[in-house]
Amino acid sequence: MIRKIIQIDQEKCNGCRACVDACHEGAIVMVGSKAQLMRDDYCDGLGDCLPNCPTGAITFVEREAADYDEEAVKKNMAAQGRVYKGRCPGSEAHAVTPEAAKESRQGDSSQLRQWPVQLKLVPPHAPYFNGARLLIAADCTAYA
């Protein structure tokens, strides 16, 4: 399958290990003095490693890659004696049902189906986007 995954430029990598420590899935390992993606199916594609790289050696690419395998990650982390804490909660799609919204407050029912809205963390294939008409605007812009 073609998906978004990290790529490490070996020329730019200075071997600082910041990406290895930032990767919650254990997908990045040190080979010699350079960071390397261990296996495609260990990389969840969220990019926690990107902002931690001081040299900019890590980028996202879209390419043929094995799908993320959470069970394989759990086994790998256990074999390393590390604890897998799960995916970033903000990256998971959560839908608020109208029934749940009514239970939490009195009055008119809300049309809001997801909360909080953090666009950089919202997966683009979340089920609540299916058939949705979406307007993205800053709080200080006019729209019609």
Protein backbone atom coordinates (compact mmCIF):
# COMPACT_ATOMS: atom_id res chain seq x y z
CA MET A 1 0.00 0.00 0.00
CA ILE A 2 1.15 3.55 -0.64
CA ARG A 3 1.27 5.55 2.58
CA LYS A 4 3.07 8.36 4.36
CA ILE A 5 6.21 7.15 6.11
CA ILE A 6 9.49 8.64 7.32
CA GLN A 7 12.72 8.68 5.36
CA ILE A 8 16.12 9.29 6.97
CA ASP A 9 18.82 11.01 4.92
CA GLN A 10 22.02 9.24 5.96
CA GLU A 11 24.15 12.17 4.73
CA LYS A 12 22.42 14.61 7.11
CA CYS A 13 22.18 12.25 10.10
CA ASN A 14 24.71 13.13 12.80
CA GLY A 15 23.94 10.12 15.03
CA CYS A 16 22.53 12.11 17.94
CA ARG A 17 19.80 9.49 18.70
CA ALA A 18 17.12 12.15 19.28
CA CYS A 19 14.82 10.44 16.77
CA VAL A 20 15.38 7.02 18.35
CA ASP A 21 14.33 8.37 21.74
CA ALA A 22 11.34 10.23 20.25
CA CYS A 23 9.97 7.23 18.35
CA HIS A 24 7.30 5.65 20.57
CA GLU A 25 7.11 2.55 18.39
CA GLY A 26 10.80 1.66 18.33
CA ALA A 27 10.82 1.94 14.53
CA ILE A 28 14.14 3.80 14.42
CA VAL A 29 17.39 2.15 15.47
CA MET A 30 21.04 3.09 15.33
CA VAL A 31 23.09 1.20 12.75
CA GLY A 32 26.69 2.13 13.32
CA SER A 33 26.55 5.85 13.98
CA LYS A 34 23.45 6.59 11.86
CA ALA A 35 19.72 6.34 12.51
CA GLN A 36 17.79 3.93 10.31
CA LEU A 37 14.14 2.93 9.95
CA MET A 38 14.03 -0.63 11.27
CA ARG A 39 10.87 -1.83 9.51
CA ASP A 40 8.12 -0.06 7.59
CA ASP A 41 5.36 -1.75 9.60
CA TYR A 42 6.78 -0.33 12.85
CA CYS A 43 6.39 3.29 11.66
CA ASP A 44 2.93 4.71 12.39
CA GLY A 45 3.54 7.72 10.13
CA LEU A 46 2.73 10.29 12.82
CA GLY A 47 6.21 11.79 12.77
CA ASP A 48 7.06 12.27 16.45
CA CYS A 49 10.69 11.93 15.34
CA LEU A 50 10.61 14.84 12.84
CA PRO A 51 10.75 17.82 15.23
CA ASN A 52 13.42 16.10 17.32
CA CYS A 53 15.96 15.83 14.51
CA PRO A 54 18.38 18.78 14.80
CA THR A 55 19.79 18.33 11.27
CA GLY A 56 16.53 17.87 9.35
CA ALA A 57 17.57 14.38 8.24
CA ILE A 58 14.04 13.01 8.67
CA THR A 59 11.28 13.80 6.20
CA PHE A 60 7.96 12.30 5.19
CA VAL A 61 7.60 10.53 1.86
CA GLU A 62 4.68 8.74 0.26
CA ARG A 63 5.77 5.37 -1.02
CA GLU A 64 4.91 1.70 -1.13
CA ALA A 65 5.23 0.48 2.46
CA ALA A 66 3.80 -2.21 4.68
CA ASP A 67 0.81 -1.07 6.73
CA TYR A 68 1.44 -0.11 10.36
CA ASP A 69 1.25 -3.25 12.54
CA GLU A 70 0.55 -2.37 16.16
CA GLU A 71 0.78 -6.01 17.30
CA ALA A 72 4.26 -6.38 15.75
CA VAL A 73 5.31 -3.15 17.47
CA LYS A 74 4.08 -4.43 20.84
CA LYS A 75 6.06 -7.66 20.44
CA ASN A 76 9.20 -5.78 19.35
CA MET A 77 8.96 -3.35 22.26
CA ALA A 78 8.44 -6.22 24.74
CA ALA A 79 11.49 -8.02 23.30
CA GLN A 80 13.53 -4.86 23.91
CA GLY A 81 12.22 -4.59 27.47
CA ARG A 82 10.41 -1.34 26.63
CA VAL A 83 6.78 -0.51 27.32
CA TYR A 84 4.57 0.34 24.35
CA LYS A 85 2.22 3.12 25.41
CA GLY A 86 0.02 3.06 22.33
CA ARG A 87 -0.58 5.57 19.61
CA CYS A 88 -0.94 9.26 20.31
CA PRO A 89 -4.50 9.80 21.59
CA GLY A 90 -4.87 12.92 19.45
CA SER A 91 -4.26 10.90 16.31
CA GLU A 92 -7.23 8.62 16.86
CA ALA A 93 -10.62 9.50 15.43
CA HIS A 94 -13.28 10.03 18.08
CA ALA A 95 -16.90 10.70 17.29
CA VAL A 96 -19.31 12.34 19.72
CA THR A 97 -22.80 10.98 19.23
CA PRO A 98 -25.81 13.30 19.57
CA GLU A 99 -27.05 11.07 22.42
CA ALA A 100 -23.84 11.56 24.38
CA ALA A 101 -23.96 15.31 23.76
CA LYS A 102 -27.55 15.48 25.09
CA GLU A 103 -26.59 13.57 28.23
CA SER A 104 -23.75 15.99 28.99
CA ARG A 105 -25.79 19.20 28.74
CA GLN A 106 -29.31 20.59 28.65
CA GLY A 107 -30.95 22.43 25.75
CA ASP A 108 -30.61 22.18 21.98
CA SER A 109 -28.62 19.29 20.56
CA SER A 110 -25.28 20.11 19.00
CA GLN A 111 -24.35 19.22 15.43
CA LEU A 112 -20.71 18.85 16.53
CA ARG A 113 -19.54 15.28 15.96
CA GLN A 114 -15.90 15.43 17.10
CA TRP A 115 -14.05 17.28 19.80
CA PRO A 116 -11.48 18.68 20.29
CA VAL A 117 -10.78 19.82 16.77
CA GLN A 118 -7.02 19.87 16.29
CA LEU A 119 -6.52 19.82 12.56
CA LYS A 120 -2.88 18.83 12.65
CA LEU A 121 -3.83 15.71 14.62
CA VAL A 122 -7.05 14.77 12.85
CA PRO A 123 -6.59 11.75 10.57
CA PRO A 124 -7.84 12.68 7.09
CA HIS A 125 -9.63 9.33 6.71
CA ALA A 126 -11.60 9.67 9.98
CA PRO A 127 -15.12 8.26 9.66
CA TYR A 128 -16.77 11.55 10.59
CA PHE A 129 -15.39 13.15 7.39
CA ASN A 130 -17.28 10.67 5.17
CA GLY A 131 -19.76 12.72 3.17
CA ALA A 132 -19.07 15.80 5.28
CA ARG A 133 -18.93 19.32 3.91
CA LEU A 134 -16.08 20.97 5.76
CA LEU A 135 -15.05 24.60 6.02
CA ILE A 136 -11.66 25.35 7.51
CA ALA A 137 -11.23 28.98 8.56
CA ALA A 138 -9.30 30.92 11.16
CA ASP A 139 -11.28 32.50 13.97
CA CYS A 140 -10.64 35.97 12.59
CA THR A 141 -11.81 35.40 9.00
CA ALA A 142 -15.16 36.03 7.37
CA TYR A 143 -16.97 33.29 5.51
CA ALA A 144 -20.34 32.74 3.87
